[in-house]
Amino acid sequence: MDTGRIRIFGERLRARRQQLDLRQQELAHHMGIAQGWISELETGKQTRLEAETVYRFAQALQCSTDYLLGLTDTPPPAKRPRPCKTAPVG
């Protein structure tokens, strides 16, 4: 991946993680990876990334790989929508 894509990926990774109110450590634990690696991705210090890893991040962050990679600017919803509760009748 080129440095521009890495930068975009890192920015979107951080933004989406924060939208979901997740700490790096929580995401790392969920994915079974080192927290420091997430930090390096978010700051652009880590420049190697495999397709499977991008997919795993997208799944964990409930968004598309295209969004994380900057191929689309359509952001996912900030949080999962809550099911609507109907008002009691009577």
PDB file of N, CA and C in Angstrom:
ATOM      1  N   MET A   1       0.839  -1.177   0.000  1.00  0.00           N
ATOM      2  CA  MET A   1       0.000   0.000   0.000  1.00  0.00           C
ATOM      3  C   MET A   1       0.887   1.243   0.000  1.00  0.00           C
ATOM      4  N   ASP A   2       0.466   2.275  -0.721  1.00  0.00           N
ATOM      5  CA  ASP A   2       1.264   3.501  -0.736  1.00  0.00           C
ATOM      6  C   ASP A   2       1.054   4.296   0.550  1.00  0.00           C
ATOM      7  N   THR A   3       1.926   5.256   0.786  1.00  0.00           N
ATOM      8  CA  THR A   3       1.882   6.000   2.048  1.00  0.00           C
ATOM      9  C   THR A   3       0.594   6.806   2.212  1.00  0.00           C
ATOM     10  N   GLY A   4       0.028   7.287   1.113  1.00  0.00           N
ATOM     11  CA  GLY A   4      -1.239   8.014   1.191  1.00  0.00           C
ATOM     12  C   GLY A   4      -2.365   7.114   1.671  1.00  0.00           C
ATOM     13  N   ARG A   5      -2.409   5.893   1.162  1.00  0.00           N
ATOM     14  CA  ARG A   5      -3.435   4.933   1.586  1.00  0.00           C
ATOM     15  C   ARG A   5      -3.238   4.542   3.048  1.00  0.00           C
ATOM     16  N   ILE A   6      -1.988   4.361   3.445  1.00  0.00           N
ATOM     17  CA  ILE A   6      -1.691   4.010   4.840  1.00  0.00           C
ATOM     18  C   ILE A   6      -2.166   5.126   5.767  1.00  0.00           C
ATOM     19  N   ARG A   7      -1.920   6.377   5.371  1.00  0.00           N
ATOM     20  CA  ARG A   7      -2.340   7.520   6.174  1.00  0.00           C
ATOM     21  C   ARG A   7      -3.866   7.553   6.300  1.00  0.00           C
ATOM     22  N   ILE A   8      -4.547   7.376   5.175  1.00  0.00           N
ATOM     23  CA  ILE A   8      -6.020   7.371   5.188  1.00  0.00           C
ATOM     24  C   ILE A   8      -6.534   6.224   6.048  1.00  0.00           C
ATOM     25  N   PHE A   9      -5.948   5.042   5.876  1.00  0.00           N
ATOM     26  CA  PHE A   9      -6.371   3.888   6.665  1.00  0.00           C
ATOM     27  C   PHE A   9      -6.222   4.184   8.155  1.00  0.00           C
ATOM     28  N   GLY A  10      -5.084   4.727   8.545  1.00  0.00           N
ATOM     29  CA  GLY A  10      -4.837   5.037   9.955  1.00  0.00           C
ATOM     30  C   GLY A  10      -5.818   6.052  10.511  1.00  0.00           C
ATOM     31  N   GLU A  11      -6.088   7.100   9.724  1.00  0.00           N
ATOM     32  CA  GLU A  11      -7.027   8.132  10.165  1.00  0.00           C
ATOM     33  C   GLU A  11      -8.430   7.558  10.341  1.00  0.00           C
ATOM     34  N   ARG A  12      -8.838   6.739   9.385  1.00  0.00           N
ATOM     35  CA  ARG A  12     -10.192   6.173   9.455  1.00  0.00           C
ATOM     36  C   ARG A  12     -10.290   5.092  10.526  1.00  0.00           C
ATOM     37  N   LEU A  13      -9.234   4.357  10.707  1.00  0.00           N
ATOM     38  CA  LEU A  13      -9.205   3.355  11.775  1.00  0.00           C
ATOM     39  C   LEU A  13      -9.417   4.037  13.120  1.00  0.00           C
ATOM     40  N   ARG A  14      -8.673   5.099  13.373  1.00  0.00           N
ATOM     41  CA  ARG A  14      -8.804   5.839  14.630  1.00  0.00           C
ATOM     42  C   ARG A  14     -10.198   6.452  14.774  1.00  0.00           C
ATOM     43  N   ALA A  15     -10.669   7.106  13.717  1.00  0.00           N
ATOM     44  CA  ALA A  15     -11.974   7.769  13.784  1.00  0.00           C
ATOM     45  C   ALA A  15     -13.087   6.763  14.057  1.00  0.00           C
ATOM     46  N   ARG A  16     -13.064   5.650  13.347  1.00  0.00           N
ATOM     47  CA  ARG A  16     -14.127   4.662  13.534  1.00  0.00           C
ATOM     48  C   ARG A  16     -14.050   4.031  14.918  1.00  0.00           C
ATOM     49  N   ARG A  17     -12.845   3.754  15.388  1.00  0.00           N
ATOM     50  CA  ARG A  17     -12.668   3.173  16.724  1.00  0.00           C
ATOM     51  C   ARG A  17     -13.232   4.128  17.774  1.00  0.00           C
ATOM     52  N   GLN A  18     -12.939   5.417  17.618  1.00  0.00           N
ATOM     53  CA  GLN A  18     -13.432   6.407  18.572  1.00  0.00           C
ATOM     54  C   GLN A  18     -14.948   6.577  18.476  1.00  0.00           C
ATOM     55  N   GLN A  19     -15.508   6.480  17.258  1.00  0.00           N
ATOM     56  CA  GLN A  19     -16.963   6.554  17.107  1.00  0.00           C
ATOM     57  C   GLN A  19     -17.647   5.449  17.899  1.00  0.00           C
ATOM     58  N   LEU A  20     -17.021   4.285  17.923  1.00  0.00           N
ATOM     59  CA  LEU A  20     -17.588   3.146  18.643  1.00  0.00           C
ATOM     60  C   LEU A  20     -17.186   3.142  20.114  1.00  0.00           C
ATOM     61  N   ASP A  21     -16.468   4.191  20.524  1.00  0.00           N
ATOM     62  CA  ASP A  21     -16.046   4.340  21.919  1.00  0.00           C
ATOM     63  C   ASP A  21     -15.188   3.155  22.374  1.00  0.00           C
ATOM     64  N   LEU A  22     -14.257   2.763  21.501  1.00  0.00           N
ATOM     65  CA  LEU A  22     -13.335   1.673  21.819  1.00  0.00           C
ATOM     66  C   LEU A  22     -11.937   2.230  22.047  1.00  0.00           C
ATOM     67  N   ARG A  23     -11.267   1.725  23.050  1.00  0.00           N
ATOM     68  CA  ARG A  23      -9.853   2.045  23.246  1.00  0.00           C
ATOM     69  C   ARG A  23      -9.035   1.115  22.361  1.00  0.00           C
ATOM     70  N   GLN A  24      -7.817   1.511  22.047  1.00  0.00           N
ATOM     71  CA  GLN A  24      -6.938   0.662  21.250  1.00  0.00           C
ATOM     72  C   GLN A  24      -6.790  -0.711  21.892  1.00  0.00           C
ATOM     73  N   GLN A  25      -6.640  -0.723  23.193  1.00  0.00           N
ATOM     74  CA  GLN A  25      -6.447  -1.974  23.920  1.00  0.00           C
ATOM     75  C   GLN A  25      -7.660  -2.901  23.768  1.00  0.00           C
ATOM     76  N   GLU A  26      -8.856  -2.338  23.802  1.00  0.00           N
ATOM     77  CA  GLU A  26     -10.070  -3.144  23.648  1.00  0.00           C
ATOM     78  C   GLU A  26     -10.147  -3.752  22.248  1.00  0.00           C
ATOM     79  N   LEU A  27      -9.844  -2.948  21.237  1.00  0.00           N
ATOM     80  CA  LEU A  27      -9.859  -3.440  19.864  1.00  0.00           C
ATOM     81  C   LEU A  27      -8.795  -4.514  19.666  1.00  0.00           C
ATOM     82  N   ALA A  28      -7.622  -4.270  20.220  1.00  0.00           N
ATOM     83  CA  ALA A  28      -6.532  -5.243  20.109  1.00  0.00           C
ATOM     84  C   ALA A  28      -6.917  -6.572  20.748  1.00  0.00           C
ATOM     85  N   HIS A  29      -7.518  -6.511  21.906  1.00  0.00           N
ATOM     86  CA  HIS A  29      -7.945  -7.729  22.600  1.00  0.00           C
ATOM     87  C   HIS A  29      -8.985  -8.477  21.772  1.00  0.00           C
ATOM     88  N   HIS A  30      -9.939  -7.738  21.235  1.00  0.00           N
ATOM     89  CA  HIS A  30     -11.002  -8.332  20.418  1.00  0.00           C
ATOM     90  C   HIS A  30     -10.426  -9.032  19.186  1.00  0.00           C
ATOM     91  N   MET A  31      -9.397  -8.437  18.595  1.00  0.00           N
ATOM     92  CA  MET A  31      -8.821  -8.979  17.367  1.00  0.00           C
ATOM     93  C   MET A  31      -7.667  -9.947  17.612  1.00  0.00           C
ATOM     94  N   GLY A  32      -7.183 -10.000  18.855  1.00  0.00           N
ATOM     95  CA  GLY A  32      -6.057 -10.879  19.157  1.00  0.00           C
ATOM     96  C   GLY A  32      -4.743 -10.382  18.585  1.00  0.00           C
ATOM     97  N   ILE A  33      -4.558  -9.059  18.602  1.00  0.00           N
ATOM     98  CA  ILE A  33      -3.318  -8.457  18.104  1.00  0.00           C
ATOM     99  C   ILE A  33      -2.759  -7.514  19.174  1.00  0.00           C
ATOM    100  N   ALA A  34      -1.552  -7.019  18.946  1.00  0.00           N
ATOM    101  CA  ALA A  34      -0.908  -6.123  19.903  1.00  0.00           C
ATOM    102  C   ALA A  34      -1.468  -4.704  19.786  1.00  0.00           C
ATOM    103  N   GLN A  35      -1.693  -4.076  20.928  1.00  0.00           N
ATOM    104  CA  GLN A  35      -2.197  -2.697  20.962  1.00  0.00           C
ATOM    105  C   GLN A  35      -1.218  -1.755  20.288  1.00  0.00           C
ATOM    106  N   GLY A  36       0.067  -1.974  20.469  1.00  0.00           N
ATOM    107  CA  GLY A  36       1.088  -1.115  19.868  1.00  0.00           C
ATOM    108  C   GLY A  36       1.019  -1.100  18.351  1.00  0.00           C
ATOM    109  N   TRP A  37       0.610  -2.224  17.777  1.00  0.00           N
ATOM    110  CA  TRP A  37       0.492  -2.306  16.324  1.00  0.00           C
ATOM    111  C   TRP A  37      -0.647  -1.411  15.832  1.00  0.00           C
ATOM    112  N   ILE A  38      -1.754  -1.390  16.577  1.00  0.00           N
ATOM    113  CA  ILE A  38      -2.864  -0.506  16.222  1.00  0.00           C
ATOM    114  C   ILE A  38      -2.403   0.949  16.301  1.00  0.00           C
ATOM    115  N   SER A  39      -1.652   1.283  17.337  1.00  0.00           N
ATOM    116  CA  SER A  39      -1.117   2.638  17.476  1.00  0.00           C
ATOM    117  C   SER A  39      -0.248   2.998  16.277  1.00  0.00           C
ATOM    118  N   GLU A  40       0.608   2.069  15.859  1.00  0.00           N
ATOM    119  CA  GLU A  40       1.482   2.318  14.703  1.00  0.00           C
ATOM    120  C   GLU A  40       0.684   2.476  13.414  1.00  0.00           C
ATOM    121  N   LEU A  41      -0.391   1.719  13.262  1.00  0.00           N
ATOM    122  CA  LEU A  41      -1.242   1.868  12.084  1.00  0.00           C
ATOM    123  C   LEU A  41      -1.921   3.231  12.089  1.00  0.00           C
ATOM    124  N   GLU A  42      -2.441   3.624  13.237  1.00  0.00           N
ATOM    125  CA  GLU A  42      -3.157   4.894  13.326  1.00  0.00           C
ATOM    126  C   GLU A  42      -2.246   6.094  13.093  1.00  0.00           C
ATOM    127  N   THR A  43      -0.989   5.983  13.434  1.00  0.00           N
ATOM    128  CA  THR A  43      -0.061   7.103  13.256  1.00  0.00           C
ATOM    129  C   THR A  43       0.726   7.018  11.950  1.00  0.00           C
ATOM    130  N   GLY A  44       0.510   5.957  11.174  1.00  0.00           N
ATOM    131  CA  GLY A  44       1.197   5.806   9.896  1.00  0.00           C
ATOM    132  C   GLY A  44       2.600   5.254  10.003  1.00  0.00           C
ATOM    133  N   LYS A  45       3.011   4.826  11.184  1.00  0.00           N
ATOM    134  CA  LYS A  45       4.353   4.267  11.353  1.00  0.00           C
ATOM    135  C   LYS A  45       4.452   2.847  10.795  1.00  0.00           C
ATOM    136  N   GLN A  46       3.348   2.129  10.818  1.00  0.00           N
ATOM    137  CA  GLN A  46       3.294   0.776  10.267  1.00  0.00           C
ATOM    138  C   GLN A  46       2.857   0.891   8.812  1.00  0.00           C
ATOM    139  N   THR A  47       3.645   0.366   7.898  1.00  0.00           N
ATOM    140  CA  THR A  47       3.342   0.534   6.476  1.00  0.00           C
ATOM    141  C   THR A  47       2.971  -0.773   5.786  1.00  0.00           C
ATOM    142  N   ARG A  48       2.956  -1.880   6.514  1.00  0.00           N
ATOM    143  CA  ARG A  48       2.592  -3.168   5.913  1.00  0.00           C
ATOM    144  C   ARG A  48       1.250  -3.621   6.471  1.00  0.00           C
ATOM    145  N   LEU A  49       0.390  -4.007   5.553  1.00  0.00           N
ATOM    146  CA  LEU A  49      -0.949  -4.409   5.941  1.00  0.00           C
ATOM    147  C   LEU A  49      -1.468  -5.406   4.917  1.00  0.00           C
ATOM    148  N   GLU A  50      -1.958  -6.535   5.382  1.00  0.00           N
ATOM    149  CA  GLU A  50      -2.481  -7.560   4.487  1.00  0.00           C
ATOM    150  C   GLU A  50      -3.988  -7.403   4.332  1.00  0.00           C
ATOM    151  N   ALA A  51      -4.508  -7.892   3.217  1.00  0.00           N
ATOM    152  CA  ALA A  51      -5.937  -7.795   2.923  1.00  0.00           C
ATOM    153  C   ALA A  51      -6.770  -8.438   4.028  1.00  0.00           C
ATOM    154  N   GLU A  52      -6.345  -9.571   4.538  1.00  0.00           N
ATOM    155  CA  GLU A  52      -7.086 -10.264   5.600  1.00  0.00           C
ATOM    156  C   GLU A  52      -7.192  -9.383   6.847  1.00  0.00           C
ATOM    157  N   THR A  53      -6.141  -8.647   7.143  1.00  0.00           N
ATOM    158  CA  THR A  53      -6.150  -7.767   8.314  1.00  0.00           C
ATOM    159  C   THR A  53      -7.113  -6.602   8.114  1.00  0.00           C
ATOM    160  N   VAL A  54      -7.120  -6.032   6.919  1.00  0.00           N
ATOM    161  CA  VAL A  54      -8.065  -4.951   6.619  1.00  0.00           C
ATOM    162  C   VAL A  54      -9.489  -5.465   6.798  1.00  0.00           C
ATOM    163  N   TYR A  55      -9.749  -6.669   6.307  1.00  0.00           N
ATOM    164  CA  TYR A  55     -11.080  -7.271   6.434  1.00  0.00           C
ATOM    165  C   TYR A  55     -11.445  -7.464   7.911  1.00  0.00           C
ATOM    166  N   ARG A  56     -10.505  -7.953   8.704  1.00  0.00           N
ATOM    167  CA  ARG A  56     -10.767  -8.172  10.129  1.00  0.00           C
ATOM    168  C   ARG A  56     -11.056  -6.862  10.858  1.00  0.00           C
ATOM    169  N   PHE A  57     -10.323  -5.799  10.521  1.00  0.00           N
ATOM    170  CA  PHE A  57     -10.598  -4.491  11.112  1.00  0.00           C
ATOM    171  C   PHE A  57     -11.997  -4.020  10.724  1.00  0.00           C
ATOM    172  N   ALA A  58     -12.362  -4.180   9.460  1.00  0.00           N
ATOM    173  CA  ALA A  58     -13.688  -3.763   9.006  1.00  0.00           C
ATOM    174  C   ALA A  58     -14.786  -4.512   9.762  1.00  0.00           C
ATOM    175  N   GLN A  59     -14.603  -5.794   9.960  1.00  0.00           N
ATOM    176  CA  GLN A  59     -15.586  -6.579  10.706  1.00  0.00           C
ATOM    177  C   GLN A  59     -15.671  -6.097  12.155  1.00  0.00           C
ATOM    178  N   ALA A  60     -14.533  -5.899  12.779  1.00  0.00           N
ATOM    179  CA  ALA A  60     -14.502  -5.478  14.185  1.00  0.00           C
ATOM    180  C   ALA A  60     -15.088  -4.079  14.367  1.00  0.00           C
ATOM    181  N   LEU A  61     -14.909  -3.224  13.365  1.00  0.00           N
ATOM    182  CA  LEU A  61     -15.363  -1.840  13.464  1.00  0.00           C
ATOM    183  C   LEU A  61     -16.700  -1.602  12.762  1.00  0.00           C
ATOM    184  N   GLN A  62     -17.312  -2.678  12.290  1.00  0.00           N
ATOM    185  CA  GLN A  62     -18.644  -2.618  11.688  1.00  0.00           C
ATOM    186  C   GLN A  62     -18.716  -1.600  10.549  1.00  0.00           C
ATOM    187  N   CYS A  63     -17.758  -1.698   9.632  1.00  0.00           N
ATOM    188  CA  CYS A  63     -17.744  -0.815   8.475  1.00  0.00           C
ATOM    189  C   CYS A  63     -17.179  -1.587   7.284  1.00  0.00           C
ATOM    190  N   SER A  64     -17.133  -0.957   6.137  1.00  0.00           N
ATOM    191  CA  SER A  64     -16.618  -1.634   4.952  1.00  0.00           C
ATOM    192  C   SER A  64     -15.110  -1.454   4.820  1.00  0.00           C
ATOM    193  N   THR A  65     -14.497  -2.386   4.129  1.00  0.00           N
ATOM    194  CA  THR A  65     -13.068  -2.252   3.833  1.00  0.00           C
ATOM    195  C   THR A  65     -12.847  -1.043   2.929  1.00  0.00           C
ATOM    196  N   ASP A  66     -13.773  -0.795   2.015  1.00  0.00           N
ATOM    197  CA  ASP A  66     -13.648   0.366   1.125  1.00  0.00           C
ATOM    198  C   ASP A  66     -13.583   1.669   1.919  1.00  0.00           C
ATOM    199  N   TYR A  67     -14.378   1.768   2.978  1.00  0.00           N
ATOM    200  CA  TYR A  67     -14.351   2.973   3.801  1.00  0.00           C
ATOM    201  C   TYR A  67     -12.991   3.111   4.491  1.00  0.00           C
ATOM    202  N   LEU A  68     -12.512   2.029   5.090  1.00  0.00           N
ATOM    203  CA  LEU A  68     -11.220   2.092   5.787  1.00  0.00           C
ATOM    204  C   LEU A  68     -10.076   2.440   4.843  1.00  0.00           C
ATOM    205  N   LEU A  69     -10.156   1.962   3.615  1.00  0.00           N
ATOM    206  CA  LEU A  69      -9.077   2.200   2.649  1.00  0.00           C
ATOM    207  C   LEU A  69      -9.216   3.525   1.901  1.00  0.00           C
ATOM    208  N   GLY A  70     -10.309   4.250   2.147  1.00  0.00           N
ATOM    209  CA  GLY A  70     -10.487   5.536   1.482  1.00  0.00           C
ATOM    210  C   GLY A  70     -11.032   5.424   0.076  1.00  0.00           C
ATOM    211  N   LEU A  71     -11.594   4.265  -0.281  1.00  0.00           N
ATOM    212  CA  LEU A  71     -12.157   4.084  -1.611  1.00  0.00           C
ATOM    213  C   LEU A  71     -13.572   4.630  -1.712  1.00  0.00           C
ATOM    214  N   THR A  72     -14.188   4.864  -0.570  1.00  0.00           N
ATOM    215  CA  THR A  72     -15.494   5.513  -0.507  1.00  0.00           C
ATOM    216  C   THR A  72     -15.472   6.468   0.681  1.00  0.00           C
ATOM    217  N   ASP A  73     -16.183   7.546   0.556  1.00  0.00           N
ATOM    218  CA  ASP A  73     -16.259   8.512   1.655  1.00  0.00           C
ATOM    219  C   ASP A  73     -17.538   8.361   2.462  1.00  0.00           C
ATOM    220  N   THR A  74     -18.294   7.329   2.153  1.00  0.00           N
ATOM    221  CA  THR A  74     -19.538   7.099   2.874  1.00  0.00           C
ATOM    222  C   THR A  74     -19.230   6.445   4.211  1.00  0.00           C
ATOM    223  N   PRO A  75     -19.325   7.207   5.290  1.00  0.00           N
ATOM    224  CA  PRO A  75     -19.022   6.623   6.597  1.00  0.00           C
ATOM    225  C   PRO A  75     -20.166   5.743   7.076  1.00  0.00           C
ATOM    226  N   PRO A  76     -19.843   4.772   7.886  1.00  0.00           N
ATOM    227  CA  PRO A  76     -20.889   3.945   8.474  1.00  0.00           C
ATOM    228  C   PRO A  76     -21.600   4.725   9.571  1.00  0.00           C
ATOM    229  N   PRO A  77     -22.753   4.240  10.028  1.00  0.00           N
ATOM    230  CA  PRO A  77     -23.411   4.897  11.157  1.00  0.00           C
ATOM    231  C   PRO A  77     -22.477   4.910  12.366  1.00  0.00           C
ATOM    232  N   ALA A  78     -22.564   5.944  13.176  1.00  0.00           N
ATOM    233  CA  ALA A  78     -21.681   6.077  14.331  1.00  0.00           C
ATOM    234  C   ALA A  78     -21.844   4.910  15.307  1.00  0.00           C
ATOM    235  N   LYS A  79     -23.044   4.504  15.526  1.00  0.00           N
ATOM    236  CA  LYS A  79     -23.304   3.387  16.430  1.00  0.00           C
ATOM    237  C   LYS A  79     -24.408   2.544  15.818  1.00  0.00           C
ATOM    238  N   ARG A  80     -24.520   1.334  16.293  1.00  0.00           N
ATOM    239  CA  ARG A  80     -25.597   0.484  15.803  1.00  0.00           C
ATOM    240  C   ARG A  80     -26.936   1.126  16.138  1.00  0.00           C
ATOM    241  N   PRO A  81     -27.840   1.165  15.162  1.00  0.00           N
ATOM    242  CA  PRO A  81     -29.146   1.728  15.474  1.00  0.00           C
ATOM    243  C   PRO A  81     -29.893   0.821  16.451  1.00  0.00           C
ATOM    244  N   ARG A  82     -30.539   1.448  17.406  1.00  0.00           N
ATOM    245  CA  ARG A  82     -31.318   0.672  18.376  1.00  0.00           C
ATOM    246  C   ARG A  82     -32.674   0.334  17.765  1.00  0.00           C
ATOM    247  N   PRO A  83     -33.175  -0.859  18.063  1.00  0.00           N
ATOM    248  CA  PRO A  83     -34.507  -1.174  17.546  1.00  0.00           C
ATOM    249  C   PRO A  83     -35.543  -0.236  18.142  1.00  0.00           C
ATOM    250  N   CYS A  84     -36.484   0.155  17.333  1.00  0.00           N
ATOM    251  CA  CYS A  84     -37.553   1.045  17.798  1.00  0.00           C
ATOM    252  C   CYS A  84     -38.476   0.282  18.726  1.00  0.00           C
ATOM    253  N   LYS A  85     -38.834   0.929  19.800  1.00  0.00           N
ATOM    254  CA  LYS A  85     -39.797   0.349  20.730  1.00  0.00           C
ATOM    255  C   LYS A  85     -41.134   1.018  20.485  1.00  0.00           C
ATOM    256  N   THR A  86     -42.138   0.220  20.384  1.00  0.00           N
ATOM    257  CA  THR A  86     -43.467   0.791  20.181  1.00  0.00           C
ATOM    258  C   THR A  86     -44.062   1.176  21.514  1.00  0.00           C
ATOM    259  N   ALA A  87     -44.859   2.210  21.493  1.00  0.00           N
ATOM    260  CA  ALA A  87     -45.520   2.664  22.713  1.00  0.00           C
ATOM    261  C   ALA A  87     -46.601   1.652  23.094  1.00  0.00           C
ATOM    262  N   PRO A  88     -46.775   1.418  24.381  1.00  0.00           N
ATOM    263  CA  PRO A  88     -47.824   0.493  24.801  1.00  0.00           C
ATOM    264  C   PRO A  88     -49.199   1.006  24.389  1.00  0.00           C
ATOM    265  N   VAL A  89     -50.040   0.097  24.045  1.00  0.00           N
ATOM    266  CA  VAL A  89     -51.395   0.444  23.610  1.00  0.00           C
ATOM    267  C   VAL A  89     -52.319   0.381  24.806  1.00  0.00           C
ATOM    268  N   GLY A  90     -53.196   1.365  24.902  1.00  0.00           N
ATOM    269  CA  GLY A  90     -54.241   1.334  25.910  1.00  0.00           C
ATOM    270  C   GLY A  90     -53.880   1.992  27.131  1.00  0.00           C
TER     271      GLY A  90
END
